[in-house]
């Protein structure tokens, strides 16, 4: 995930270590050493994702 997404709302498709694929909406807090720390918008909980598990990502367009 590019560092330009810091602070952005992003939709990702992610494969966890167990092989489960999920689609999530997150707000990116930090990207460091292959780890993405973010807030999950659905649950409101902080989450950590491995960059290697990202299958796709794109910014979420918001309206004013």
PDB file of N, CA and C in Angstrom:
ATOM      1  N   UNK A   1       0.863  -1.173   0.000  1.00  0.00           N
ATOM      2  CA  UNK A   1       0.000   0.000   0.000  1.00  0.00           C
ATOM      3  C   UNK A   1       0.906   1.231   0.000  1.00  0.00           C
ATOM      4  N   UNK A   2       0.642   2.141  -0.900  1.00  0.00           N
ATOM      5  CA  UNK A   2       1.470   3.355  -0.939  1.00  0.00           C
ATOM      6  C   UNK A   2       1.307   4.210   0.312  1.00  0.00           C
ATOM      7  N   UNK A   3       2.393   4.833   0.732  1.00  0.00           N
ATOM      8  CA  UNK A   3       2.363   5.700   1.913  1.00  0.00           C
ATOM      9  C   UNK A   3       1.434   6.885   1.728  1.00  0.00           C
ATOM     10  N   UNK A   4       1.099   7.223   0.471  1.00  0.00           N
ATOM     11  CA  UNK A   4       0.200   8.355   0.231  1.00  0.00           C
ATOM     12  C   UNK A   4      -1.188   8.124   0.833  1.00  0.00           C
ATOM     13  N   UNK A   5      -1.526   6.890   1.177  1.00  0.00           N
ATOM     14  CA  UNK A   5      -2.838   6.587   1.746  1.00  0.00           C
ATOM     15  C   UNK A   5      -2.924   6.823   3.256  1.00  0.00           C
ATOM     16  N   UNK A   6      -1.855   7.302   3.881  1.00  0.00           N
ATOM     17  CA  UNK A   6      -1.902   7.597   5.313  1.00  0.00           C
ATOM     18  C   UNK A   6      -3.016   8.600   5.603  1.00  0.00           C
ATOM     19  N   UNK A   7      -3.891   8.241   6.524  1.00  0.00           N
ATOM     20  CA  UNK A   7      -5.002   9.108   6.904  1.00  0.00           C
ATOM     21  C   UNK A   7      -6.224   8.977   6.017  1.00  0.00           C
ATOM     22  N   UNK A   8      -6.129   8.267   4.918  1.00  0.00           N
ATOM     23  CA  UNK A   8      -7.231   8.123   3.965  1.00  0.00           C
ATOM     24  C   UNK A   8      -8.180   7.002   4.378  1.00  0.00           C
ATOM     25  N   UNK A   9      -9.392   7.071   3.861  1.00  0.00           N
ATOM     26  CA  UNK A   9     -10.333   5.963   3.941  1.00  0.00           C
ATOM     27  C   UNK A   9     -10.087   5.098   2.712  1.00  0.00           C
ATOM     28  N   UNK A  10      -9.892   3.809   2.942  1.00  0.00           N
ATOM     29  CA  UNK A  10      -9.514   2.905   1.863  1.00  0.00           C
ATOM     30  C   UNK A  10     -10.339   1.627   1.972  1.00  0.00           C
ATOM     31  N   UNK A  11     -10.735   1.087   0.836  1.00  0.00           N
ATOM     32  CA  UNK A  11     -11.394  -0.217   0.811  1.00  0.00           C
ATOM     33  C   UNK A  11     -10.351  -1.234   0.368  1.00  0.00           C
ATOM     34  N   UNK A  12     -10.235  -2.317   1.114  1.00  0.00           N
ATOM     35  CA  UNK A  12      -9.232  -3.338   0.786  1.00  0.00           C
ATOM     36  C   UNK A  12      -9.891  -4.700   0.647  1.00  0.00           C
ATOM     37  N   UNK A  13      -9.243  -5.542  -0.122  1.00  0.00           N
ATOM     38  CA  UNK A  13      -9.543  -6.973  -0.132  1.00  0.00           C
ATOM     39  C   UNK A  13      -8.289  -7.618   0.427  1.00  0.00           C
ATOM     40  N   UNK A  14      -8.477  -8.425   1.469  1.00  0.00           N
ATOM     41  CA  UNK A  14      -7.365  -8.907   2.268  1.00  0.00           C
ATOM     42  C   UNK A  14      -7.472 -10.408   2.494  1.00  0.00           C
ATOM     43  N   UNK A  15      -6.334 -11.086   2.401  1.00  0.00           N
ATOM     44  CA  UNK A  15      -6.275 -12.512   2.714  1.00  0.00           C
ATOM     45  C   UNK A  15      -5.465 -12.693   3.986  1.00  0.00           C
ATOM     46  N   UNK A  16      -6.105 -13.253   5.030  1.00  0.00           N
ATOM     47  CA  UNK A  16      -5.391 -13.442   6.297  1.00  0.00           C
ATOM     48  C   UNK A  16      -4.508 -14.680   6.239  1.00  0.00           C
ATOM     49  N   UNK A  17      -3.782 -14.931   7.305  1.00  0.00           N
ATOM     50  CA  UNK A  17      -2.836 -16.048   7.329  1.00  0.00           C
ATOM     51  C   UNK A  17      -3.520 -17.402   7.182  1.00  0.00           C
ATOM     52  N   UNK A  18      -4.794 -17.475   7.545  1.00  0.00           N
ATOM     53  CA  UNK A  18      -5.543 -18.722   7.405  1.00  0.00           C
ATOM     54  C   UNK A  18      -6.145 -18.922   6.028  1.00  0.00           C
ATOM     55  N   UNK A  19      -5.965 -17.936   5.136  1.00  0.00           N
ATOM     56  CA  UNK A  19      -6.486 -18.045   3.781  1.00  0.00           C
ATOM     57  C   UNK A  19      -7.873 -17.456   3.590  1.00  0.00           C
ATOM     58  N   UNK A  20      -8.444 -16.890   4.657  1.00  0.00           N
ATOM     59  CA  UNK A  20      -9.770 -16.280   4.562  1.00  0.00           C
ATOM     60  C   UNK A  20      -9.671 -14.916   3.881  1.00  0.00           C
ATOM     61  N   UNK A  21     -10.529 -14.671   2.898  1.00  0.00           N
ATOM     62  CA  UNK A  21     -10.513 -13.415   2.155  1.00  0.00           C
ATOM     63  C   UNK A  21     -11.690 -12.561   2.613  1.00  0.00           C
ATOM     64  N   UNK A  22     -11.387 -11.300   2.949  1.00  0.00           N
ATOM     65  CA  UNK A  22     -12.418 -10.374   3.404  1.00  0.00           C
ATOM     66  C   UNK A  22     -12.275  -9.040   2.678  1.00  0.00           C
ATOM     67  N   UNK A  23     -13.384  -8.322   2.619  1.00  0.00           N
ATOM     68  CA  UNK A  23     -13.410  -6.974   2.067  1.00  0.00           C
ATOM     69  C   UNK A  23     -13.671  -6.044   3.235  1.00  0.00           C
ATOM     70  N   UNK A  24     -12.813  -5.038   3.417  1.00  0.00           N
ATOM     71  CA  UNK A  24     -12.923  -4.145   4.565  1.00  0.00           C
ATOM     72  C   UNK A  24     -12.758  -2.697   4.139  1.00  0.00           C
ATOM     73  N   UNK A  25     -13.367  -1.829   4.927  1.00  0.00           N
ATOM     74  CA  UNK A  25     -13.168  -0.389   4.783  1.00  0.00           C
ATOM     75  C   UNK A  25     -12.399   0.056   6.007  1.00  0.00           C
ATOM     76  N   UNK A  26     -11.264   0.705   5.766  1.00  0.00           N
ATOM     77  CA  UNK A  26     -10.374   1.079   6.859  1.00  0.00           C
ATOM     78  C   UNK A  26      -9.928   2.534   6.720  1.00  0.00           C
ATOM     79  N   UNK A  27      -9.485   3.103   7.849  1.00  0.00           N
ATOM     80  CA  UNK A  27      -8.791   4.384   7.823  1.00  0.00           C
ATOM     81  C   UNK A  27      -7.355   4.099   8.225  1.00  0.00           C
ATOM     82  N   UNK A  28      -6.435   4.372   7.322  1.00  0.00           N
ATOM     83  CA  UNK A  28      -5.029   4.027   7.511  1.00  0.00           C
ATOM     84  C   UNK A  28      -4.390   4.977   8.521  1.00  0.00           C
ATOM     85  N   UNK A  29      -3.791   4.413   9.562  1.00  0.00           N
ATOM     86  CA  UNK A  29      -3.121   5.185  10.611  1.00  0.00           C
ATOM     87  C   UNK A  29      -1.603   5.197  10.436  1.00  0.00           C
ATOM     88  N   UNK A  30      -1.014   4.052  10.067  1.00  0.00           N
ATOM     89  CA  UNK A  30       0.431   4.000   9.836  1.00  0.00           C
ATOM     90  C   UNK A  30       0.771   2.813   8.940  1.00  0.00           C
ATOM     91  N   UNK A  31       1.897   2.966   8.242  1.00  0.00           N
ATOM     92  CA  UNK A  31       2.436   1.892   7.404  1.00  0.00           C
ATOM     93  C   UNK A  31       3.921   1.810   7.733  1.00  0.00           C
ATOM     94  N   UNK A  32       4.331   0.650   8.272  1.00  0.00           N
ATOM     95  CA  UNK A  32       5.723   0.513   8.702  1.00  0.00           C
ATOM     96  C   UNK A  32       6.109  -0.964   8.724  1.00  0.00           C
ATOM     97  N   UNK A  33       7.265  -1.252   8.171  1.00  0.00           N
ATOM     98  CA  UNK A  33       7.852  -2.606   8.206  1.00  0.00           C
ATOM     99  C   UNK A  33       6.881  -3.672   7.709  1.00  0.00           C
ATOM    100  N   UNK A  34       6.143  -3.376   6.648  1.00  0.00           N
ATOM    101  CA  UNK A  34       5.233  -4.354   6.073  1.00  0.00           C
ATOM    102  C   UNK A  34       3.920  -4.506   6.809  1.00  0.00           C
ATOM    103  N   UNK A  35       3.659  -3.667   7.809  1.00  0.00           N
ATOM    104  CA  UNK A  35       2.414  -3.730   8.571  1.00  0.00           C
ATOM    105  C   UNK A  35       1.615  -2.449   8.381  1.00  0.00           C
ATOM    106  N   UNK A  36       0.314  -2.609   8.241  1.00  0.00           N
ATOM    107  CA  UNK A  36      -0.592  -1.474   8.101  1.00  0.00           C
ATOM    108  C   UNK A  36      -1.455  -1.435   9.351  1.00  0.00           C
ATOM    109  N   UNK A  37      -1.389  -0.342  10.085  1.00  0.00           N
ATOM    110  CA  UNK A  37      -2.249  -0.162  11.257  1.00  0.00           C
ATOM    111  C   UNK A  37      -3.376   0.764  10.843  1.00  0.00           C
ATOM    112  N   UNK A  38      -4.600   0.340  11.148  1.00  0.00           N
ATOM    113  CA  UNK A  38      -5.768   1.077  10.674  1.00  0.00           C
ATOM    114  C   UNK A  38      -6.942   0.867  11.605  1.00  0.00           C
ATOM    115  N   UNK A  39      -7.942   1.738  11.468  1.00  0.00           N
ATOM    116  CA  UNK A  39      -9.219   1.554  12.153  1.00  0.00           C
ATOM    117  C   UNK A  39     -10.195   0.935  11.169  1.00  0.00           C
ATOM    118  N   UNK A  40     -10.837  -0.155  11.571  1.00  0.00           N
ATOM    119  CA  UNK A  40     -11.868  -0.798  10.761  1.00  0.00           C
ATOM    120  C   UNK A  40     -13.138   0.034  10.892  1.00  0.00           C
ATOM    121  N   UNK A  41     -13.671   0.532   9.785  1.00  0.00           N
ATOM    122  CA  UNK A  41     -14.820   1.427   9.839  1.00  0.00           C
ATOM    123  C   UNK A  41     -16.106   0.714  10.267  1.00  0.00           C
ATOM    124  N   UNK A  42     -16.237  -0.575   9.977  1.00  0.00           N
ATOM    125  CA  UNK A  42     -17.445  -1.315  10.349  1.00  0.00           C
ATOM    126  C   UNK A  42     -17.499  -1.576  11.856  1.00  0.00           C
ATOM    127  N   UNK A  43     -16.397  -2.074  12.404  1.00  0.00           N
ATOM    128  CA  UNK A  43     -16.394  -2.426  13.829  1.00  0.00           C
ATOM    129  C   UNK A  43     -15.935  -1.265  14.714  1.00  0.00           C
ATOM    130  N   UNK A  44     -15.204  -0.309  14.127  1.00  0.00           N
ATOM    131  CA  UNK A  44     -14.663   0.795  14.911  1.00  0.00           C
ATOM    132  C   UNK A  44     -13.430   0.410  15.716  1.00  0.00           C
ATOM    133  N   UNK A  45     -12.926  -0.794  15.489  1.00  0.00           N
ATOM    134  CA  UNK A  45     -11.785  -1.310  16.242  1.00  0.00           C
ATOM    135  C   UNK A  45     -10.481  -1.127  15.473  1.00  0.00           C
ATOM    136  N   UNK A  46      -9.370  -0.946  16.187  1.00  0.00           N
ATOM    137  CA  UNK A  46      -8.074  -0.895  15.502  1.00  0.00           C
ATOM    138  C   UNK A  46      -7.690  -2.286  14.992  1.00  0.00           C
ATOM    139  N   UNK A  47      -7.069  -2.320  13.831  1.00  0.00           N
ATOM    140  CA  UNK A  47      -6.646  -3.586  13.220  1.00  0.00           C
ATOM    141  C   UNK A  47      -5.237  -3.417  12.650  1.00  0.00           C
ATOM    142  N   UNK A  48      -4.528  -4.527  12.518  1.00  0.00           N
ATOM    143  CA  UNK A  48      -3.225  -4.550  11.877  1.00  0.00           C
ATOM    144  C   UNK A  48      -3.288  -5.550  10.732  1.00  0.00           C
ATOM    145  N   UNK A  49      -2.816  -5.133   9.568  1.00  0.00           N
ATOM    146  CA  UNK A  49      -2.824  -5.968   8.368  1.00  0.00           C
ATOM    147  C   UNK A  49      -1.399  -6.092   7.844  1.00  0.00           C
ATOM    148  N   UNK A  50      -1.076  -7.271   7.322  1.00  0.00           N
ATOM    149  CA  UNK A  50       0.213  -7.458   6.655  1.00  0.00           C
ATOM    150  C   UNK A  50       0.081  -6.953   5.215  1.00  0.00           C
ATOM    151  N   UNK A  51       1.036  -6.170   4.752  1.00  0.00           N
ATOM    152  CA  UNK A  51       0.995  -5.686   3.370  1.00  0.00           C
ATOM    153  C   UNK A  51       0.987  -6.847   2.392  1.00  0.00           C
ATOM    154  N   UNK A  52       1.645  -7.940   2.724  1.00  0.00           N
ATOM    155  CA  UNK A  52       1.703  -9.095   1.830  1.00  0.00           C
ATOM    156  C   UNK A  52       0.336  -9.757   1.664  1.00  0.00           C
ATOM    157  N   UNK A  53      -0.595  -9.496   2.586  1.00  0.00           N
ATOM    158  CA  UNK A  53      -1.936 -10.070   2.495  1.00  0.00           C
ATOM    159  C   UNK A  53      -2.915  -9.234   1.685  1.00  0.00           C
ATOM    160  N   UNK A  54      -2.502  -8.029   1.277  1.00  0.00           N
ATOM    161  CA  UNK A  54      -3.388  -7.174   0.489  1.00  0.00           C
ATOM    162  C   UNK A  54      -3.515  -7.722  -0.923  1.00  0.00           C
ATOM    163  N   UNK A  55      -4.734  -7.941  -1.355  1.00  0.00           N
ATOM    164  CA  UNK A  55      -4.976  -8.392  -2.718  1.00  0.00           C
ATOM    165  C   UNK A  55      -5.373  -7.212  -3.606  1.00  0.00           C
ATOM    166  N   UNK A  56      -6.056  -6.216  -3.015  1.00  0.00           N
ATOM    167  CA  UNK A  56      -6.466  -5.015  -3.758  1.00  0.00           C
ATOM    168  C   UNK A  56      -6.760  -3.905  -2.757  1.00  0.00           C
ATOM    169  N   UNK A  57      -6.586  -2.657  -3.210  1.00  0.00           N
ATOM    170  CA  UNK A  57      -6.953  -1.522  -2.374  1.00  0.00           C
ATOM    171  C   UNK A  57      -7.243  -0.327  -3.275  1.00  0.00           C
ATOM    172  N   UNK A  58      -8.197   0.482  -2.828  1.00  0.00           N
ATOM    173  CA  UNK A  58      -8.474   1.739  -3.532  1.00  0.00           C
ATOM    174  C   UNK A  58      -9.111   2.710  -2.554  1.00  0.00           C
ATOM    175  N   UNK A  59      -8.856   4.016  -2.754  1.00  0.00           N
ATOM    176  CA  UNK A  59      -9.416   5.017  -1.844  1.00  0.00           C
ATOM    177  C   UNK A  59     -10.928   5.094  -1.991  1.00  0.00           C
ATOM    178  N   UNK A  60     -11.596   5.435  -0.895  1.00  0.00           N
ATOM    179  CA  UNK A  60     -13.035   5.604  -0.893  1.00  0.00           C
ATOM    180  C   UNK A  60     -13.324   7.085  -1.130  1.00  0.00           C
ATOM    181  N   UNK A  61     -14.110   7.355  -2.136  1.00  0.00           N
ATOM    182  CA  UNK A  61     -14.470   8.737  -2.412  1.00  0.00           C
ATOM    183  C   UNK A  61     -15.544   9.178  -1.438  1.00  0.00           C
ATOM    184  N   UNK A  62     -15.329  10.328  -0.848  1.00  0.00           N
ATOM    185  CA  UNK A  62     -16.318  10.872   0.082  1.00  0.00           C
ATOM    186  C   UNK A  62     -16.857  12.181  -0.486  1.00  0.00           C
ATOM    187  N   UNK A  63     -18.079  12.514  -0.098  1.00  0.00           N
ATOM    188  CA  UNK A  63     -18.664  13.767  -0.556  1.00  0.00           C
ATOM    189  C   UNK A  63     -18.792  14.716   0.618  1.00  0.00           C
ATOM    190  N   UNK A  64     -18.735  15.972   0.330  1.00  0.00           N
ATOM    191  CA  UNK A  64     -18.794  16.987   1.396  1.00  0.00           C
ATOM    192  C   UNK A  64     -20.181  17.151   1.920  1.00  0.00           C
TER     193      UNK A  64
END
